[in-house]
Amino acid sequence: MALLSVQNVTMRFGGLLANDNISFDVPEGSIFAVIGPNGAGKTTLFNSIAGSLKPTSGKVVFDGQPITGLPQAAIASRGLIRTYQLVQLFKDLTVAENVEIGFHRVTRGGVGSALLRPRWFREQEESIARKARELLAFVGLGDQADMIADKLPYGRQRLLEVARALAAEPRLILLDEPAAGLNTQETAALADVIHRVNERGVTVLLIEHDMGLVMKVAQRIAVLDFGKKIAEGTPDEIRSHPDVLTAYLGGVEMADG
């Protein structure tokens, strides 16, 4: 069953056709990747799914319900959570505090509760602090929970973003080029985390340039070129697809990393 369905999504910016009638389904429990060369329309499509852009036409359906044009907060409240191509952390807070902020979607309270601090509110704070450290241990940052986030190496900041996204208890997590700027060792660690996130029951949709990572983690791949979907299939099918080889790699077969 498709948890996310992208249906004939088209996005125009004046005379520029950024996405042209793109459709695909992301099965619940899967890892699905969208790839393509620079300018293929990947980020525009991602923004249409996550709610920061409204498609010119077509629709996005999540868990059987249309979400096209809904505010990002409303989409996130349904369990569709994203990370960003550029790391967006609260750099003056600790690593643990960054993850604790991610729990806001699944906690209760307001200004009055924060001022009066009733027992249930204090217990909730303690639970959040404990769960934040558990998530940090899950992504391999357990020993850096009290470090200021800005002091983390870049690759570990990427993992921190994943931990913070998991704090919102997503059903589907959108990863926007999570391997950008990572070295080989960091990318391998990221691949392991993505697999383990998926094993927790979270569906994963990523856009990515690192073909080694995509071929290792994705179960199904859609390929964009000049705003159009030119292929969809398993990693083995995509690796040898003639249109993909021509458009994406100039005819050179993809490696599996």
C-alpha atoms as a PDB file:
ATOM      1  CA  MET A   1       0.000   0.000   0.000  1.00  0.00           C
ATOM      2  CA  ALA A   2       1.259   3.488  -0.874  1.00  0.00           C
ATOM      3  CA  LEU A   3       1.821   5.729   2.138  1.00  0.00           C
ATOM      4  CA  LEU A   4       2.689   8.628  -0.175  1.00  0.00           C
ATOM      5  CA  SER A   5       1.313   9.096  -3.681  1.00  0.00           C
ATOM      6  CA  VAL A   6       2.612  11.826  -5.995  1.00  0.00           C
ATOM      7  CA  GLN A   7       0.044  12.237  -8.751  1.00  0.00           C
ATOM      8  CA  ASN A   8       0.768  14.191 -11.946  1.00  0.00           C
ATOM      9  CA  VAL A   9       2.577  16.953 -10.081  1.00  0.00           C
ATOM     10  CA  THR A  10       3.515  19.910 -12.259  1.00  0.00           C
ATOM     11  CA  MET A  11       5.276  23.069 -11.078  1.00  0.00           C
ATOM     12  CA  ARG A  12       5.777  26.159 -13.197  1.00  0.00           C
ATOM     13  CA  PHE A  13       7.719  29.287 -12.280  1.00  0.00           C
ATOM     14  CA  GLY A  14       6.674  31.722 -14.975  1.00  0.00           C
ATOM     15  CA  GLY A  15       7.977  30.213 -18.187  1.00  0.00           C
ATOM     16  CA  LEU A  16      10.118  27.604 -16.392  1.00  0.00           C
ATOM     17  CA  LEU A  17       8.665  24.104 -16.120  1.00  0.00           C
ATOM     18  CA  ALA A  18      10.443  22.721 -13.049  1.00  0.00           C
ATOM     19  CA  ASN A  19       8.319  19.568 -12.625  1.00  0.00           C
ATOM     20  CA  ASP A  20       6.390  18.074 -15.528  1.00  0.00           C
ATOM     21  CA  ASN A  21       3.548  15.677 -14.684  1.00  0.00           C
ATOM     22  CA  ILE A  22       5.501  13.578 -12.173  1.00  0.00           C
ATOM     23  CA  SER A  23       3.883  10.537 -10.562  1.00  0.00           C
ATOM     24  CA  PHE A  24       5.107   7.766  -8.264  1.00  0.00           C
ATOM     25  CA  ASP A  25       4.005   5.860  -5.170  1.00  0.00           C
ATOM     26  CA  VAL A  26       6.080   5.290  -2.037  1.00  0.00           C
ATOM     27  CA  PRO A  27       4.992   2.008  -0.388  1.00  0.00           C
ATOM     28  CA  GLU A  28       4.586   2.084   3.368  1.00  0.00           C
ATOM     29  CA  GLY A  29       7.662   0.688   5.091  1.00  0.00           C
ATOM     30  CA  SER A  30       9.956   1.214   2.098  1.00  0.00           C
ATOM     31  CA  ILE A  31      13.059   3.277   1.302  1.00  0.00           C
ATOM     32  CA  PHE A  32      12.418   5.220  -1.910  1.00  0.00           C
ATOM     33  CA  ALA A  33      14.930   7.522  -3.618  1.00  0.00           C
ATOM     34  CA  VAL A  34      14.552  10.286  -6.185  1.00  0.00           C
ATOM     35  CA  ILE A  35      17.705  10.986  -8.183  1.00  0.00           C
ATOM     36  CA  GLY A  36      18.704  13.103 -11.148  1.00  0.00           C
ATOM     37  CA  PRO A  37      21.338  15.582 -12.322  1.00  0.00           C
ATOM     38  CA  ASN A  38      21.521  19.162 -11.072  1.00  0.00           C
ATOM     39  CA  GLY A  39      18.502  21.108 -12.285  1.00  0.00           C
ATOM     40  CA  ALA A  40      16.369  17.990 -12.690  1.00  0.00           C
ATOM     41  CA  GLY A  41      13.668  19.329 -10.360  1.00  0.00           C
ATOM     42  CA  LYS A  42      14.292  17.138  -7.326  1.00  0.00           C
ATOM     43  CA  THR A  43      14.260  19.840  -4.659  1.00  0.00           C
ATOM     44  CA  THR A  44      11.223  21.550  -6.191  1.00  0.00           C
ATOM     45  CA  LEU A  45       9.378  18.237  -6.046  1.00  0.00           C
ATOM     46  CA  PHE A  46      10.469  17.684  -2.446  1.00  0.00           C
ATOM     47  CA  ASN A  47       9.219  21.142  -1.493  1.00  0.00           C
ATOM     48  CA  SER A  48       5.864  20.404  -3.128  1.00  0.00           C
ATOM     49  CA  ILE A  49       5.550  17.214  -1.085  1.00  0.00           C
ATOM     50  CA  ALA A  50       6.599  18.852   2.212  1.00  0.00           C
ATOM     51  CA  GLY A  51       4.342  21.876   1.766  1.00  0.00           C
ATOM     52  CA  SER A  52       6.758  24.760   1.214  1.00  0.00           C
ATOM     53  CA  LEU A  53       5.511  24.987  -2.391  1.00  0.00           C
ATOM     54  CA  LYS A  54       2.072  24.388  -3.866  1.00  0.00           C
ATOM     55  CA  PRO A  55       2.143  22.575  -7.229  1.00  0.00           C
ATOM     56  CA  THR A  56       0.703  24.339 -10.240  1.00  0.00           C
ATOM     57  CA  SER A  57      -1.324  21.191 -10.873  1.00  0.00           C
ATOM     58  CA  GLY A  58      -1.525  17.602  -9.689  1.00  0.00           C
ATOM     59  CA  LYS A  59      -1.756  16.439  -6.102  1.00  0.00           C
ATOM     60  CA  VAL A  60       0.093  14.786  -3.260  1.00  0.00           C
ATOM     61  CA  VAL A  61      -1.715  12.191  -1.147  1.00  0.00           C
ATOM     62  CA  PHE A  62      -0.437  11.024   2.243  1.00  0.00           C
ATOM     63  CA  ASP A  63      -2.039   8.076   4.018  1.00  0.00           C
ATOM     64  CA  GLY A  64      -5.029   8.282   1.698  1.00  0.00           C
ATOM     65  CA  GLN A  65      -5.674  12.001   2.295  1.00  0.00           C
ATOM     66  CA  PRO A  66      -4.785  14.899  -0.057  1.00  0.00           C
ATOM     67  CA  ILE A  67      -2.174  17.231   1.455  1.00  0.00           C
ATOM     68  CA  THR A  68      -1.540  19.422  -1.589  1.00  0.00           C
ATOM     69  CA  GLY A  69      -1.235  23.064  -0.557  1.00  0.00           C
ATOM     70  CA  LEU A  70      -1.567  22.434   3.180  1.00  0.00           C
ATOM     71  CA  PRO A  71       0.752  24.454   5.447  1.00  0.00           C
ATOM     72  CA  GLN A  72       3.990  22.707   6.371  1.00  0.00           C
ATOM     73  CA  ALA A  73       2.949  22.497  10.026  1.00  0.00           C
ATOM     74  CA  ALA A  74      -0.303  20.759   9.084  1.00  0.00           C
ATOM     75  CA  ILE A  75       1.573  18.264   6.929  1.00  0.00           C
ATOM     76  CA  ALA A  76       4.104  17.617   9.687  1.00  0.00           C
ATOM     77  CA  SER A  77       1.276  17.064  12.166  1.00  0.00           C
ATOM     78  CA  ARG A  78       0.157  14.102  10.052  1.00  0.00           C
ATOM     79  CA  GLY A  79       3.552  12.450  10.423  1.00  0.00           C
ATOM     80  CA  LEU A  80       5.451  13.617   7.336  1.00  0.00           C
ATOM     81  CA  ILE A  81       8.712  15.153   8.580  1.00  0.00           C
ATOM     82  CA  ARG A  82      11.617  16.488   6.520  1.00  0.00           C
ATOM     83  CA  THR A  83      15.273  17.434   6.850  1.00  0.00           C
ATOM     84  CA  TYR A  84      16.944  20.074   4.683  1.00  0.00           C
ATOM     85  CA  GLN A  85      19.744  20.160   2.119  1.00  0.00           C
ATOM     86  CA  LEU A  86      21.513  22.784   4.238  1.00  0.00           C
ATOM     87  CA  VAL A  87      21.894  21.826   7.891  1.00  0.00           C
ATOM     88  CA  GLN A  88      19.440  23.800  10.028  1.00  0.00           C
ATOM     89  CA  LEU A  89      20.288  23.419  13.699  1.00  0.00           C
ATOM     90  CA  PHE A  90      20.001  25.628  16.768  1.00  0.00           C
ATOM     91  CA  LYS A  91      23.761  25.979  16.866  1.00  0.00           C
ATOM     92  CA  ASP A  92      24.016  27.659  20.284  1.00  0.00           C
ATOM     93  CA  LEU A  93      22.050  24.887  21.992  1.00  0.00           C
ATOM     94  CA  THR A  94      23.409  21.511  22.984  1.00  0.00           C
ATOM     95  CA  VAL A  95      23.041  18.450  20.830  1.00  0.00           C
ATOM     96  CA  ALA A  96      20.451  17.042  23.256  1.00  0.00           C
ATOM     97  CA  GLU A  97      18.488  20.316  23.371  1.00  0.00           C
ATOM     98  CA  ASN A  98      18.253  20.291  19.569  1.00  0.00           C
ATOM     99  CA  VAL A  99      16.606  16.866  19.699  1.00  0.00           C
ATOM    100  CA  GLU A 100      14.305  17.894  22.550  1.00  0.00           C
ATOM    101  CA  ILE A 101      12.930  20.687  20.339  1.00  0.00           C
ATOM    102  CA  GLY A 102      11.937  18.024  17.823  1.00  0.00           C
ATOM    103  CA  PHE A 103       9.426  16.584  20.310  1.00  0.00           C
ATOM    104  CA  HIS A 104       7.155  19.645  20.141  1.00  0.00           C
ATOM    105  CA  ARG A 105       4.779  17.885  17.723  1.00  0.00           C
ATOM    106  CA  VAL A 106       4.039  15.085  20.172  1.00  0.00           C
ATOM    107  CA  THR A 107       3.954  16.977  23.468  1.00  0.00           C
ATOM    108  CA  ARG A 108       1.357  19.165  25.176  1.00  0.00           C
ATOM    109  CA  GLY A 109       1.471  22.369  27.144  1.00  0.00           C
ATOM    110  CA  GLY A 110       1.718  26.119  26.650  1.00  0.00           C
ATOM    111  CA  VAL A 111       2.934  29.302  28.303  1.00  0.00           C
ATOM    112  CA  GLY A 112       0.808  28.689  31.399  1.00  0.00           C
ATOM    113  CA  SER A 113       2.171  25.175  31.868  1.00  0.00           C
ATOM    114  CA  ALA A 114       5.727  26.383  31.379  1.00  0.00           C
ATOM    115  CA  LEU A 115       5.239  29.068  34.048  1.00  0.00           C
ATOM    116  CA  LEU A 116       3.302  26.995  36.591  1.00  0.00           C
ATOM    117  CA  ARG A 117       5.178  23.742  35.886  1.00  0.00           C
ATOM    118  CA  PRO A 118       2.557  21.259  37.163  1.00  0.00           C
ATOM    119  CA  ARG A 119       3.651  17.724  37.914  1.00  0.00           C
ATOM    120  CA  TRP A 120       2.566  16.325  34.535  1.00  0.00           C
ATOM    121  CA  PHE A 121       4.621  19.017  32.795  1.00  0.00           C
ATOM    122  CA  ARG A 122       7.753  18.205  34.798  1.00  0.00           C
ATOM    123  CA  GLU A 123       7.301  14.497  34.080  1.00  0.00           C
ATOM    124  CA  GLN A 124       6.898  15.268  30.394  1.00  0.00           C
ATOM    125  CA  GLU A 125      10.153  17.270  30.434  1.00  0.00           C
ATOM    126  CA  GLU A 126      11.976  14.384  32.076  1.00  0.00           C
ATOM    127  CA  SER A 127      10.566  11.946  29.518  1.00  0.00           C
ATOM    128  CA  ILE A 128      11.607  14.170  26.623  1.00  0.00           C
ATOM    129  CA  ALA A 129      15.132  14.537  27.987  1.00  0.00           C
ATOM    130  CA  ARG A 130      15.438  10.759  28.358  1.00  0.00           C
ATOM    131  CA  LYS A 131      14.031  10.003  24.903  1.00  0.00           C
ATOM    132  CA  ALA A 132      16.281  12.629  23.291  1.00  0.00           C
ATOM    133  CA  ARG A 133      19.356  10.866  24.638  1.00  0.00           C
ATOM    134  CA  GLU A 134      18.005   7.522  23.478  1.00  0.00           C
ATOM    135  CA  LEU A 135      17.637   8.902  19.943  1.00  0.00           C
ATOM    136  CA  LEU A 136      21.142  10.333  20.061  1.00  0.00           C
ATOM    137  CA  ALA A 137      22.486   6.929  21.051  1.00  0.00           C
ATOM    138  CA  PHE A 138      20.481   5.425  18.185  1.00  0.00           C
ATOM    139  CA  VAL A 139      22.218   7.606  15.572  1.00  0.00           C
ATOM    140  CA  GLY A 140      25.645   7.273  17.193  1.00  0.00           C
ATOM    141  CA  LEU A 141      25.813  10.602  19.037  1.00  0.00           C
ATOM    142  CA  GLY A 142      25.138   9.386  22.556  1.00  0.00           C
ATOM    143  CA  ASP A 143      28.511  10.518  23.888  1.00  0.00           C
ATOM    144  CA  GLN A 144      28.092  14.029  22.450  1.00  0.00           C
ATOM    145  CA  ALA A 145      24.688  14.923  23.904  1.00  0.00           C
ATOM    146  CA  ASP A 146      26.030  17.820  25.999  1.00  0.00           C
ATOM    147  CA  MET A 147      28.211  19.328  23.268  1.00  0.00           C
ATOM    148  CA  ILE A 148      27.166  22.618  21.667  1.00  0.00           C
ATOM    149  CA  ALA A 149      25.661  21.648  18.318  1.00  0.00           C
ATOM    150  CA  ASP A 150      27.841  24.062  16.343  1.00  0.00           C
ATOM    151  CA  LYS A 151      30.951  22.245  17.593  1.00  0.00           C
ATOM    152  CA  LEU A 152      29.899  18.939  16.019  1.00  0.00           C
ATOM    153  CA  PRO A 153      31.725  17.912  12.846  1.00  0.00           C
ATOM    154  CA  TYR A 154      29.549  18.460   9.777  1.00  0.00           C
ATOM    155  CA  GLY A 155      28.839  14.772   9.207  1.00  0.00           C
ATOM    156  CA  ARG A 156      27.587  14.406  12.765  1.00  0.00           C
ATOM    157  CA  GLN A 157      25.400  17.480  12.381  1.00  0.00           C
ATOM    158  CA  ARG A 158      23.664  15.553   9.587  1.00  0.00           C
ATOM    159  CA  LEU A 159      23.022  12.676  11.984  1.00  0.00           C
ATOM    160  CA  LEU A 160      21.733  15.144  14.581  1.00  0.00           C
ATOM    161  CA  GLU A 161      19.162  16.380  12.058  1.00  0.00           C
ATOM    162  CA  VAL A 162      17.972  12.809  11.583  1.00  0.00           C
ATOM    163  CA  ALA A 163      17.663  12.328  15.361  1.00  0.00           C
ATOM    164  CA  ARG A 164      15.667  15.556  15.673  1.00  0.00           C
ATOM    165  CA  ALA A 165      13.356  14.486  12.850  1.00  0.00           C
ATOM    166  CA  LEU A 166      12.784  11.143  14.579  1.00  0.00           C
ATOM    167  CA  ALA A 167      11.762  12.992  17.743  1.00  0.00           C
ATOM    168  CA  ALA A 168       8.626  14.118  15.888  1.00  0.00           C
ATOM    169  CA  GLU A 169       7.648  10.436  15.511  1.00  0.00           C
ATOM    170  CA  PRO A 170       7.345  10.492  11.708  1.00  0.00           C
ATOM    171  CA  ARG A 171       5.557   7.905   9.644  1.00  0.00           C
ATOM    172  CA  LEU A 172       7.471   9.189   6.627  1.00  0.00           C
ATOM    173  CA  ILE A 173      10.793  11.010   6.807  1.00  0.00           C
ATOM    174  CA  LEU A 174      11.972  13.107   3.847  1.00  0.00           C
ATOM    175  CA  LEU A 175      15.772  13.308   3.644  1.00  0.00           C
ATOM    176  CA  ASP A 176      17.022  16.127   1.407  1.00  0.00           C
ATOM    177  CA  GLU A 177      20.497  15.151   0.159  1.00  0.00           C
ATOM    178  CA  PRO A 178      21.572  13.782   3.550  1.00  0.00           C
ATOM    179  CA  ALA A 179      25.027  12.740   2.285  1.00  0.00           C
ATOM    180  CA  ALA A 180      25.937  16.190   0.918  1.00  0.00           C
ATOM    181  CA  GLY A 181      29.405  17.121   2.176  1.00  0.00           C
ATOM    182  CA  LEU A 182      30.078  13.767   3.858  1.00  0.00           C
ATOM    183  CA  ASN A 183      33.198  11.671   3.414  1.00  0.00           C
ATOM    184  CA  THR A 184      33.132   7.957   2.667  1.00  0.00           C
ATOM    185  CA  GLN A 185      33.166   6.884   6.317  1.00  0.00           C
ATOM    186  CA  GLU A 186      30.425   9.339   7.273  1.00  0.00           C
ATOM    187  CA  THR A 187      28.290   8.227   4.320  1.00  0.00           C
ATOM    188  CA  ALA A 188      28.631   4.594   5.395  1.00  0.00           C
ATOM    189  CA  ALA A 189      27.492   5.541   8.912  1.00  0.00           C
ATOM    190  CA  LEU A 190      24.552   7.439   7.427  1.00  0.00           C
ATOM    191  CA  ALA A 191      23.537   4.430   5.313  1.00  0.00           C
ATOM    192  CA  ASP A 192      23.473   2.290   8.462  1.00  0.00           C
ATOM    193  CA  VAL A 193      21.306   4.850  10.265  1.00  0.00           C
ATOM    194  CA  ILE A 194      18.861   5.046   7.335  1.00  0.00           C
ATOM    195  CA  HIS A 195      18.488   1.268   7.338  1.00  0.00           C
ATOM    196  CA  ARG A 196      17.876   1.236  11.099  1.00  0.00           C
ATOM    197  CA  VAL A 197      15.381   4.104  10.867  1.00  0.00           C
ATOM    198  CA  ASN A 198      13.484   2.057   8.298  1.00  0.00           C
ATOM    199  CA  GLU A 199      13.638  -1.013  10.548  1.00  0.00           C
ATOM    200  CA  ARG A 200      11.841   1.049  13.228  1.00  0.00           C
ATOM    201  CA  GLY A 201       8.866   1.162  10.855  1.00  0.00           C
ATOM    202  CA  VAL A 202       9.539   4.607   9.372  1.00  0.00           C
ATOM    203  CA  THR A 203       9.097   4.986   5.615  1.00  0.00           C
ATOM    204  CA  VAL A 204      11.991   6.906   4.007  1.00  0.00           C
ATOM    205  CA  LEU A 205      11.984   9.135   0.926  1.00  0.00           C
ATOM    206  CA  LEU A 206      15.300  10.718  -0.013  1.00  0.00           C
ATOM    207  CA  ILE A 207      16.758  12.786  -2.794  1.00  0.00           C
ATOM    208  CA  GLU A 208      20.469  12.298  -3.184  1.00  0.00           C
ATOM    209  CA  HIS A 209      23.467  12.764  -5.497  1.00  0.00           C
ATOM    210  CA  ASP A 210      25.613  10.056  -3.881  1.00  0.00           C
ATOM    211  CA  MET A 211      24.829   7.025  -6.026  1.00  0.00           C
ATOM    212  CA  GLY A 212      26.766   4.706  -3.751  1.00  0.00           C
ATOM    213  CA  LEU A 213      24.425   5.584  -0.886  1.00  0.00           C
ATOM    214  CA  VAL A 214      21.293   5.350  -3.054  1.00  0.00           C
ATOM    215  CA  MET A 215      22.188   1.947  -4.446  1.00  0.00           C
ATOM    216  CA  LYS A 216      22.903   0.614  -0.942  1.00  0.00           C
ATOM    217  CA  VAL A 217      19.773   1.822   0.822  1.00  0.00           C
ATOM    218  CA  ALA A 218      16.944   2.342  -1.703  1.00  0.00           C
ATOM    219  CA  GLN A 219      14.524  -0.412  -2.606  1.00  0.00           C
ATOM    220  CA  ARG A 220      13.027   1.634  -5.428  1.00  0.00           C
ATOM    221  CA  ILE A 221      14.266   4.689  -7.341  1.00  0.00           C
ATOM    222  CA  ALA A 222      12.634   7.342  -9.515  1.00  0.00           C
ATOM    223  CA  VAL A 223      14.867   9.298 -11.901  1.00  0.00           C
ATOM    224  CA  LEU A 224      14.203  12.879 -12.979  1.00  0.00           C
ATOM    225  CA  ASP A 225      15.761  14.766 -15.870  1.00  0.00           C
ATOM    226  CA  PHE A 226      14.795  18.274 -16.968  1.00  0.00           C
ATOM    227  CA  GLY A 227      11.743  18.109 -14.732  1.00  0.00           C
ATOM    228  CA  LYS A 228      10.385  14.837 -16.118  1.00  0.00           C
ATOM    229  CA  LYS A 229      10.412  11.358 -14.631  1.00  0.00           C
ATOM    230  CA  ILE A 230      12.372   9.280 -17.128  1.00  0.00           C
ATOM    231  CA  ALA A 231      12.581   5.989 -15.224  1.00  0.00           C
ATOM    232  CA  GLU A 232      11.479   4.136 -12.108  1.00  0.00           C
ATOM    233  CA  GLY A 233      12.556   0.761 -10.801  1.00  0.00           C
ATOM    234  CA  THR A 234      14.795  -1.234  -8.500  1.00  0.00           C
ATOM    235  CA  PRO A 235      18.468  -0.280  -8.099  1.00  0.00           C
ATOM    236  CA  ASP A 236      19.482  -3.042 -10.543  1.00  0.00           C
ATOM    237  CA  GLU A 237      16.974  -1.813 -13.111  1.00  0.00           C
ATOM    238  CA  ILE A 238      18.041   1.805 -12.742  1.00  0.00           C
ATOM    239  CA  ARG A 239      21.745   0.983 -12.805  1.00  0.00           C
ATOM    240  CA  SER A 240      21.493  -0.353 -16.357  1.00  0.00           C
ATOM    241  CA  HIS A 241      18.560   1.706 -17.715  1.00  0.00           C
ATOM    242  CA  PRO A 242      19.689   3.240 -21.046  1.00  0.00           C
ATOM    243  CA  ASP A 243      17.805   6.535 -20.589  1.00  0.00           C
ATOM    244  CA  VAL A 244      19.244   6.972 -17.117  1.00  0.00           C
ATOM    245  CA  LEU A 245      22.779   6.218 -18.263  1.00  0.00           C
ATOM    246  CA  THR A 246      22.510   8.738 -21.055  1.00  0.00           C
ATOM    247  CA  ALA A 247      20.788  11.519 -19.127  1.00  0.00           C
ATOM    248  CA  TYR A 248      22.477  11.136 -15.773  1.00  0.00           C
ATOM    249  CA  LEU A 249      25.906   9.645 -16.377  1.00  0.00           C
ATOM    250  CA  GLY A 250      26.608  10.137 -20.043  1.00  0.00           C
ATOM    251  CA  GLY A 251      26.269   6.439 -20.801  1.00  0.00           C
ATOM    252  CA  VAL A 252      28.553   5.116 -18.028  1.00  0.00           C
ATOM    253  CA  GLU A 253      26.995   2.391 -15.912  1.00  0.00           C
ATOM    254  CA  MET A 254      26.392   3.274 -12.281  1.00  0.00           C
ATOM    255  CA  ALA A 255      28.513   1.753  -9.567  1.00  0.00           C
ATOM    256  CA  ASP A 256      26.947   0.415  -6.391  1.00  0.00           C
ATOM    257  CA  GLY A 257      29.421   2.165  -4.111  1.00  0.00           C
END
